[in-house]
Amino acid sequence: TEADERGRARLLRGAVEIAFARGDLDSAER
């Protein structure tokens, strides 16, 4: 929510990994 465009890609990769850990494949795909 706070990130600028430059730093967002790195955060998105982390979000995908955490979504996998939650079993939330829809969020990972988004």
Full PDB file with SEQRES, HELIX, SHEET, SSBOND, CRYST1, ORIGX, SCALE, CONECT and MASTER records, all heavy atoms in Angstrom:
SEQRES   1 A   30  THR GLU ALA ASP GLU ARG GLY ARG ALA ARG LEU LEU ARG          
SEQRES   2 A   30  GLY ALA VAL GLU ILE ALA PHE ALA ARG GLY ASP LEU ASP          
SEQRES   3 A   30  SER ALA GLU ARG                                              
HELIX    1 AA1 GLU A    5  ARG A   22  1                                  18    
HELIX    2 AA2 LEU A   25  GLU A   29  1                                   5    
CRYST1    1.000    1.000    1.000  90.00  90.00  90.00 P 1           1          
ORIGX1      1.000000  0.000000  0.000000        0.00000                         
ORIGX2      0.000000  1.000000  0.000000        0.00000                         
ORIGX3      0.000000  0.000000  1.000000        0.00000                         
SCALE1      1.000000  0.000000  0.000000        0.00000                         
SCALE2      0.000000  1.000000  0.000000        0.00000                         
SCALE3      0.000000  0.000000  1.000000        0.00000                         
ATOM      1  N   THR A   1       0.825  -1.207   0.000  1.00  0.00           N  
ATOM      2  CA  THR A   1       0.000   0.000   0.000  1.00  0.00           C  
ATOM      3  C   THR A   1       0.860   1.258   0.000  1.00  0.00           C  
ATOM      4  O   THR A   1       0.530   2.261  -0.651  1.00  0.00           O  
ATOM      5  CB  THR A   1      -0.926   0.006   1.233  1.00  0.00           C  
ATOM      6  OG1 THR A   1      -1.769  -1.148   1.183  1.00  0.00           O  
ATOM      7  CG2 THR A   1      -1.785   1.262   1.267  1.00  0.00           C  
ATOM      8  N   GLU A   2       2.001   1.207   0.694  1.00  0.00           N  
ATOM      9  CA  GLU A   2       2.854   2.384   0.840  1.00  0.00           C  
ATOM     10  C   GLU A   2       3.906   2.500  -0.260  1.00  0.00           C  
ATOM     11  O   GLU A   2       4.488   3.570  -0.439  1.00  0.00           O  
ATOM     12  CB  GLU A   2       3.571   2.324   2.196  1.00  0.00           C  
ATOM     13  CG  GLU A   2       2.632   2.347   3.392  1.00  0.00           C  
ATOM     14  CD  GLU A   2       3.373   2.138   4.702  1.00  0.00           C  
ATOM     15  OE1 GLU A   2       4.621   2.154   4.674  1.00  0.00           O  
ATOM     16  OE2 GLU A   2       2.705   1.971   5.736  1.00  0.00           O  
ATOM     17  N   ALA A   3       4.161   1.428  -1.004  1.00  0.00           N  
ATOM     18  CA  ALA A   3       5.307   1.394  -1.919  1.00  0.00           C  
ATOM     19  C   ALA A   3       5.092   2.259  -3.144  1.00  0.00           C  
ATOM     20  O   ALA A   3       3.967   2.406  -3.636  1.00  0.00           O  
ATOM     21  CB  ALA A   3       5.586  -0.043  -2.351  1.00  0.00           C  
ATOM     22  N   ASP A   4       6.199   2.814  -3.651  1.00  0.00           N  
ATOM     23  CA  ASP A   4       6.146   3.477  -4.948  1.00  0.00           C  
ATOM     24  C   ASP A   4       6.334   2.429  -6.038  1.00  0.00           C  
ATOM     25  O   ASP A   4       6.612   1.254  -5.768  1.00  0.00           O  
ATOM     26  CB  ASP A   4       7.209   4.587  -5.058  1.00  0.00           C  
ATOM     27  CG  ASP A   4       8.629   4.073  -4.857  1.00  0.00           C  
ATOM     28  OD1 ASP A   4       8.861   2.848  -4.973  1.00  0.00           O  
ATOM     29  OD2 ASP A   4       9.520   4.896  -4.597  1.00  0.00           O  
ATOM     30  N   GLU A   5       6.201   2.866  -7.283  1.00  0.00           N  
ATOM     31  CA  GLU A   5       6.262   1.921  -8.395  1.00  0.00           C  
ATOM     32  C   GLU A   5       7.609   1.220  -8.479  1.00  0.00           C  
ATOM     33  O   GLU A   5       7.695   0.048  -8.819  1.00  0.00           O  
ATOM     34  CB  GLU A   5       5.974   2.664  -9.704  1.00  0.00           C  
ATOM     35  CG  GLU A   5       5.884   1.757 -10.927  1.00  0.00           C  
ATOM     36  CD  GLU A   5       5.505   2.515 -12.178  1.00  0.00           C  
ATOM     37  OE1 GLU A   5       5.127   3.706 -12.061  1.00  0.00           O  
ATOM     38  OE2 GLU A   5       5.592   1.930 -13.262  1.00  0.00           O  
ATOM     39  N   ARG A   6       8.671   1.946  -8.142  1.00  0.00           N  
ATOM     40  CA  ARG A   6      10.020   1.388  -8.271  1.00  0.00           C  
ATOM     41  C   ARG A   6      10.233   0.175  -7.366  1.00  0.00           C  
ATOM     42  O   ARG A   6      10.874  -0.788  -7.751  1.00  0.00           O  
ATOM     43  CB  ARG A   6      11.039   2.481  -7.946  1.00  0.00           C  
ATOM     44  CG  ARG A   6      12.476   2.057  -8.144  1.00  0.00           C  
ATOM     45  CD  ARG A   6      13.401   3.233  -7.900  1.00  0.00           C  
ATOM     46  NE  ARG A   6      14.784   2.879  -8.107  1.00  0.00           N  
ATOM     47  CZ  ARG A   6      15.791   3.719  -7.957  1.00  0.00           C  
ATOM     48  NH1 ARG A   6      15.542   4.963  -7.604  1.00  0.00           N  
ATOM     49  NH2 ARG A   6      17.021   3.330  -8.159  1.00  0.00           N  
ATOM     50  N   GLY A   7       9.705   0.250  -6.124  1.00  0.00           N  
ATOM     51  CA  GLY A   7       9.947  -0.837  -5.187  1.00  0.00           C  
ATOM     52  C   GLY A   7       8.870  -1.902  -5.167  1.00  0.00           C  
ATOM     53  O   GLY A   7       8.974  -2.876  -4.423  1.00  0.00           O  
ATOM     54  N   ARG A   8       7.842  -1.738  -5.971  1.00  0.00           N  
ATOM     55  CA  ARG A   8       6.683  -2.621  -5.887  1.00  0.00           C  
ATOM     56  C   ARG A   8       6.964  -4.037  -6.364  1.00  0.00           C  
ATOM     57  O   ARG A   8       6.465  -5.007  -5.777  1.00  0.00           O  
ATOM     58  CB  ARG A   8       5.522  -2.019  -6.681  1.00  0.00           C  
ATOM     59  CG  ARG A   8       4.192  -2.648  -6.358  1.00  0.00           C  
ATOM     60  CD  ARG A   8       3.046  -1.855  -6.910  1.00  0.00           C  
ATOM     61  NE  ARG A   8       1.783  -2.523  -6.669  1.00  0.00           N  
ATOM     62  CZ  ARG A   8       1.095  -2.463  -5.537  1.00  0.00           C  
ATOM     63  NH1 ARG A   8       1.547  -1.740  -4.532  1.00  0.00           N  
ATOM     64  NH2 ARG A   8      -0.049  -3.120  -5.395  1.00  0.00           N  
ATOM     65  N   ALA A   9       7.799  -4.189  -7.412  1.00  0.00           N  
ATOM     66  CA  ALA A   9       8.027  -5.528  -7.963  1.00  0.00           C  
ATOM     67  C   ALA A   9       8.645  -6.467  -6.924  1.00  0.00           C  
ATOM     68  O   ALA A   9       8.219  -7.618  -6.789  1.00  0.00           O  
ATOM     69  CB  ALA A   9       8.922  -5.441  -9.199  1.00  0.00           C  
ATOM     70  N   ARG A  10       9.636  -5.965  -6.190  1.00  0.00           N  
ATOM     71  CA  ARG A  10      10.268  -6.793  -5.164  1.00  0.00           C  
ATOM     72  C   ARG A  10       9.261  -7.212  -4.113  1.00  0.00           C  
ATOM     73  O   ARG A  10       9.255  -8.369  -3.651  1.00  0.00           O  
ATOM     74  CB  ARG A  10      11.422  -6.009  -4.545  1.00  0.00           C  
ATOM     75  CG  ARG A  10      12.174  -6.744  -3.456  1.00  0.00           C  
ATOM     76  CD  ARG A  10      13.508  -6.062  -3.183  1.00  0.00           C  
ATOM     77  NE  ARG A  10      13.355  -4.645  -2.891  1.00  0.00           N  
ATOM     78  CZ  ARG A  10      13.218  -4.146  -1.672  1.00  0.00           C  
ATOM     79  NH1 ARG A  10      13.187  -4.955  -0.630  1.00  0.00           N  
ATOM     80  NH2 ARG A  10      13.115  -2.849  -1.472  1.00  0.00           N  
ATOM     81  N   LEU A  11       8.387  -6.296  -3.717  1.00  0.00           N  
ATOM     82  CA  LEU A  11       7.366  -6.613  -2.726  1.00  0.00           C  
ATOM     83  C   LEU A  11       6.365  -7.626  -3.258  1.00  0.00           C  
ATOM     84  O   LEU A  11       5.910  -8.513  -2.527  1.00  0.00           O  
ATOM     85  CB  LEU A  11       6.649  -5.333  -2.303  1.00  0.00           C  
ATOM     86  CG  LEU A  11       7.481  -4.325  -1.515  1.00  0.00           C  
ATOM     87  CD1 LEU A  11       6.709  -3.021  -1.364  1.00  0.00           C  
ATOM     88  CD2 LEU A  11       7.868  -4.874  -0.152  1.00  0.00           C  
ATOM     89  N   LEU A  12       6.020  -7.510  -4.529  1.00  0.00           N  
ATOM     90  CA  LEU A  12       5.061  -8.442  -5.117  1.00  0.00           C  
ATOM     91  C   LEU A  12       5.592  -9.865  -5.086  1.00  0.00           C  
ATOM     92  O   LEU A  12       4.843 -10.816  -4.855  1.00  0.00           O  
ATOM     93  CB  LEU A  12       4.734  -8.025  -6.546  1.00  0.00           C  
ATOM     94  CG  LEU A  12       3.808  -6.807  -6.696  1.00  0.00           C  
ATOM     95  CD1 LEU A  12       3.803  -6.323  -8.134  1.00  0.00           C  
ATOM     96  CD2 LEU A  12       2.394  -7.141  -6.238  1.00  0.00           C  
ATOM     97  N   ARG A  13       6.888 -10.022  -5.337  1.00  0.00           N  
ATOM     98  CA  ARG A  13       7.471 -11.378  -5.284  1.00  0.00           C  
ATOM     99  C   ARG A  13       7.329 -11.967  -3.880  1.00  0.00           C  
ATOM    100  O   ARG A  13       6.989 -13.143  -3.719  1.00  0.00           O  
ATOM    101  CB  ARG A  13       8.929 -11.330  -5.715  1.00  0.00           C  
ATOM    102  CG  ARG A  13       9.106 -10.932  -7.174  1.00  0.00           C  
ATOM    103  CD  ARG A  13      10.561 -10.965  -7.609  1.00  0.00           C  
ATOM    104  NE  ARG A  13      10.657 -10.499  -8.989  1.00  0.00           N  
ATOM    105  CZ  ARG A  13      11.047  -9.286  -9.347  1.00  0.00           C  
ATOM    106  NH1 ARG A  13      11.396  -8.410  -8.429  1.00  0.00           N  
ATOM    107  NH2 ARG A  13      11.101  -8.947 -10.621  1.00  0.00           N  
ATOM    108  N   GLY A  14       7.590 -11.144  -2.871  1.00  0.00           N  
ATOM    109  CA  GLY A  14       7.405 -11.616  -1.506  1.00  0.00           C  
ATOM    110  C   GLY A  14       5.956 -11.941  -1.213  1.00  0.00           C  
ATOM    111  O   GLY A  14       5.651 -12.936  -0.545  1.00  0.00           O  
ATOM    112  N   ALA A  15       5.043 -11.126  -1.734  1.00  0.00           N  
ATOM    113  CA  ALA A  15       3.618 -11.370  -1.510  1.00  0.00           C  
ATOM    114  C   ALA A  15       3.180 -12.690  -2.122  1.00  0.00           C  
ATOM    115  O   ALA A  15       2.361 -13.424  -1.538  1.00  0.00           O  
ATOM    116  CB  ALA A  15       2.801 -10.216  -2.094  1.00  0.00           C  
ATOM    117  N   VAL A  16       3.706 -13.022  -3.295  1.00  0.00           N  
ATOM    118  CA  VAL A  16       3.364 -14.300  -3.933  1.00  0.00           C  
ATOM    119  C   VAL A  16       3.825 -15.462  -3.056  1.00  0.00           C  
ATOM    120  O   VAL A  16       3.076 -16.426  -2.828  1.00  0.00           O  
ATOM    121  CB  VAL A  16       3.996 -14.387  -5.339  1.00  0.00           C  
ATOM    122  CG1 VAL A  16       3.809 -15.787  -5.918  1.00  0.00           C  
ATOM    123  CG2 VAL A  16       3.372 -13.350  -6.270  1.00  0.00           C  
ATOM    124  N   GLU A  17       5.048 -15.381  -2.543  1.00  0.00           N  
ATOM    125  CA  GLU A  17       5.564 -16.469  -1.709  1.00  0.00           C  
ATOM    126  C   GLU A  17       4.732 -16.639  -0.445  1.00  0.00           C  
ATOM    127  O   GLU A  17       4.446 -17.773  -0.018  1.00  0.00           O  
ATOM    128  CB  GLU A  17       7.030 -16.194  -1.356  1.00  0.00           C  
ATOM    129  CG  GLU A  17       7.973 -16.271  -2.551  1.00  0.00           C  
ATOM    130  CD  GLU A  17       9.422 -16.182  -2.138  1.00  0.00           C  
ATOM    131  OE1 GLU A  17       9.778 -16.795  -1.103  1.00  0.00           O  
ATOM    132  OE2 GLU A  17      10.201 -15.512  -2.831  1.00  0.00           O  
ATOM    133  N   ILE A  18       4.340 -15.535   0.167  1.00  0.00           N  
ATOM    134  CA  ILE A  18       3.537 -15.624   1.387  1.00  0.00           C  
ATOM    135  C   ILE A  18       2.135 -16.130   1.063  1.00  0.00           C  
ATOM    136  O   ILE A  18       1.541 -16.907   1.832  1.00  0.00           O  
ATOM    137  CB  ILE A  18       3.501 -14.260   2.100  1.00  0.00           C  
ATOM    138  CG1 ILE A  18       4.917 -13.885   2.563  1.00  0.00           C  
ATOM    139  CG2 ILE A  18       2.564 -14.304   3.303  1.00  0.00           C  
ATOM    140  CD1 ILE A  18       5.055 -12.454   3.040  1.00  0.00           C  
ATOM    141  N   ALA A  19       1.596 -15.735  -0.075  1.00  0.00           N  
ATOM    142  CA  ALA A  19       0.286 -16.262  -0.495  1.00  0.00           C  
ATOM    143  C   ALA A  19       0.355 -17.774  -0.673  1.00  0.00           C  
ATOM    144  O   ALA A  19      -0.590 -18.494  -0.296  1.00  0.00           O  
ATOM    145  CB  ALA A  19      -0.153 -15.586  -1.795  1.00  0.00           C  
ATOM    146  N   PHE A  20       1.442 -18.272  -1.234  1.00  0.00           N  
ATOM    147  CA  PHE A  20       1.610 -19.729  -1.341  1.00  0.00           C  
ATOM    148  C   PHE A  20       1.565 -20.374   0.047  1.00  0.00           C  
ATOM    149  O   PHE A  20       0.930 -21.407   0.248  1.00  0.00           O  
ATOM    150  CB  PHE A  20       2.944 -20.065  -2.016  1.00  0.00           C  
ATOM    151  CG  PHE A  20       2.964 -19.841  -3.506  1.00  0.00           C  
ATOM    152  CD1 PHE A  20       4.167 -19.557  -4.153  1.00  0.00           C  
ATOM    153  CD2 PHE A  20       1.813 -19.934  -4.266  1.00  0.00           C  
ATOM    154  CE1 PHE A  20       4.206 -19.368  -5.531  1.00  0.00           C  
ATOM    155  CE2 PHE A  20       1.836 -19.746  -5.642  1.00  0.00           C  
ATOM    156  CZ  PHE A  20       3.037 -19.456  -6.270  1.00  0.00           C  
ATOM    157  N   ALA A  21       2.284 -19.754   1.006  1.00  0.00           N  
ATOM    158  CA  ALA A  21       2.327 -20.314   2.364  1.00  0.00           C  
ATOM    159  C   ALA A  21       0.940 -20.322   2.997  1.00  0.00           C  
ATOM    160  O   ALA A  21       0.626 -21.207   3.798  1.00  0.00           O  
ATOM    161  CB  ALA A  21       3.295 -19.509   3.229  1.00  0.00           C  
ATOM    162  N   ARG A  22       0.095 -19.361   2.633  1.00  0.00           N  
ATOM    163  CA  ARG A  22      -1.278 -19.307   3.153  1.00  0.00           C  
ATOM    164  C   ARG A  22      -2.209 -20.252   2.406  1.00  0.00           C  
ATOM    165  O   ARG A  22      -3.358 -20.445   2.805  1.00  0.00           O  
ATOM    166  CB  ARG A  22      -1.830 -17.886   3.029  1.00  0.00           C  
ATOM    167  CG  ARG A  22      -1.092 -16.837   3.801  1.00  0.00           C  
ATOM    168  CD  ARG A  22      -1.674 -15.452   3.536  1.00  0.00           C  
ATOM    169  NE  ARG A  22      -2.922 -15.247   4.255  1.00  0.00           N  
ATOM    170  CZ  ARG A  22      -4.043 -14.785   3.714  1.00  0.00           C  
ATOM    171  NH1 ARG A  22      -4.084 -14.514   2.421  1.00  0.00           N  
ATOM    172  NH2 ARG A  22      -5.125 -14.616   4.456  1.00  0.00           N  
ATOM    173  N   GLY A  23      -1.741 -20.808   1.291  1.00  0.00           N  
ATOM    174  CA  GLY A  23      -2.606 -21.617   0.453  1.00  0.00           C  
ATOM    175  C   GLY A  23      -3.592 -20.789  -0.338  1.00  0.00           C  
ATOM    176  O   GLY A  23      -4.619 -21.300  -0.817  1.00  0.00           O  
ATOM    177  N   ASP A  24      -3.285 -19.515  -0.485  1.00  0.00           N  
ATOM    178  CA  ASP A  24      -4.179 -18.581  -1.172  1.00  0.00           C  
ATOM    179  C   ASP A  24      -3.696 -18.410  -2.614  1.00  0.00           C  
ATOM    180  O   ASP A  24      -3.012 -17.449  -2.962  1.00  0.00           O  
ATOM    181  CB  ASP A  24      -4.166 -17.243  -0.426  1.00  0.00           C  
ATOM    182  CG  ASP A  24      -5.160 -16.238  -0.991  1.00  0.00           C  
ATOM    183  OD1 ASP A  24      -5.763 -16.527  -2.037  1.00  0.00           O  
ATOM    184  OD2 ASP A  24      -5.322 -15.166  -0.374  1.00  0.00           O  
ATOM    185  N   LEU A  25      -4.071 -19.360  -3.465  1.00  0.00           N  
ATOM    186  CA  LEU A  25      -3.566 -19.354  -4.840  1.00  0.00           C  
ATOM    187  C   LEU A  25      -4.170 -18.222  -5.669  1.00  0.00           C  
ATOM    188  O   LEU A  25      -3.525 -17.720  -6.592  1.00  0.00           O  
ATOM    189  CB  LEU A  25      -3.852 -20.704  -5.495  1.00  0.00           C  
ATOM    190  CG  LEU A  25      -3.200 -21.916  -4.835  1.00  0.00           C  
ATOM    191  CD1 LEU A  25      -3.417 -23.168  -5.688  1.00  0.00           C  
ATOM    192  CD2 LEU A  25      -1.717 -21.697  -4.597  1.00  0.00           C  
ATOM    193  N   ASP A  26      -5.396 -17.814  -5.334  1.00  0.00           N  
ATOM    194  CA  ASP A  26      -5.999 -16.714  -6.089  1.00  0.00           C  
ATOM    195  C   ASP A  26      -5.222 -15.414  -5.873  1.00  0.00           C  
ATOM    196  O   ASP A  26      -4.973 -14.666  -6.833  1.00  0.00           O  
ATOM    197  CB  ASP A  26      -7.462 -16.531  -5.679  1.00  0.00           C  
ATOM    198  CG  ASP A  26      -8.346 -17.675  -6.148  1.00  0.00           C  
ATOM    199  OD1 ASP A  26      -7.927 -18.395  -7.081  1.00  0.00           O  
ATOM    200  OD2 ASP A  26      -9.438 -17.850  -5.576  1.00  0.00           O  
ATOM    201  N   SER A  27      -4.841 -15.127  -4.625  1.00  0.00           N  
ATOM    202  CA  SER A  27      -4.039 -13.922  -4.358  1.00  0.00           C  
ATOM    203  C   SER A  27      -2.669 -14.032  -5.001  1.00  0.00           C  
ATOM    204  O   SER A  27      -2.144 -13.046  -5.529  1.00  0.00           O  
ATOM    205  CB  SER A  27      -3.891 -13.701  -2.850  1.00  0.00           C  
ATOM    206  OG  SER A  27      -5.130 -13.338  -2.268  1.00  0.00           O  
ATOM    207  N   ALA A  28      -2.080 -15.224  -4.958  1.00  0.00           N  
ATOM    208  CA  ALA A  28      -0.787 -15.413  -5.600  1.00  0.00           C  
ATOM    209  C   ALA A  28      -0.883 -15.119  -7.095  1.00  0.00           C  
ATOM    210  O   ALA A  28      -0.028 -14.431  -7.670  1.00  0.00           O  
ATOM    211  CB  ALA A  28      -0.281 -16.835  -5.371  1.00  0.00           C  
ATOM    212  N   GLU A  29      -1.932 -15.626  -7.720  1.00  0.00           N  
ATOM    213  CA  GLU A  29      -2.109 -15.392  -9.155  1.00  0.00           C  
ATOM    214  C   GLU A  29      -2.356 -13.914  -9.450  1.00  0.00           C  
ATOM    215  O   GLU A  29      -1.827 -13.362 -10.434  1.00  0.00           O  
ATOM    216  CB  GLU A  29      -3.268 -16.229  -9.679  1.00  0.00           C  
ATOM    217  CG  GLU A  29      -3.424 -16.157 -11.185  1.00  0.00           C  
ATOM    218  CD  GLU A  29      -4.393 -17.207 -11.715  1.00  0.00           C  
ATOM    219  OE1 GLU A  29      -5.061 -17.886 -10.902  1.00  0.00           O  
ATOM    220  OE2 GLU A  29      -4.473 -17.333 -12.953  1.00  0.00           O  
ATOM    221  N   ARG A  30      -3.101 -13.242  -8.611  1.00  0.00           N  
ATOM    222  CA  ARG A  30      -3.373 -11.811  -8.813  1.00  0.00           C  
ATOM    223  C   ARG A  30      -2.080 -10.998  -8.728  1.00  0.00           C  
ATOM    224  O   ARG A  30      -1.822 -10.137  -9.571  1.00  0.00           O  
ATOM    225  CB  ARG A  30      -4.375 -11.337  -7.746  1.00  0.00           C  
ATOM    226  CG  ARG A  30      -4.621  -9.841  -7.754  1.00  0.00           C  
ATOM    227  CD  ARG A  30      -5.833  -9.500  -6.896  1.00  0.00           C  
ATOM    228  NE  ARG A  30      -5.766 -10.103  -5.575  1.00  0.00           N  
ATOM    229  CZ  ARG A  30      -5.124  -9.572  -4.540  1.00  0.00           C  
ATOM    230  NH1 ARG A  30      -4.478  -8.421  -4.697  1.00  0.00           N  
ATOM    231  NH2 ARG A  30      -5.134 -10.171  -3.365  1.00  0.00           N  
TER     232      ARG A  30                                                      
MASTER        0    0    0    2    0    0    0    6  231    1    0    3          
END                                                                             
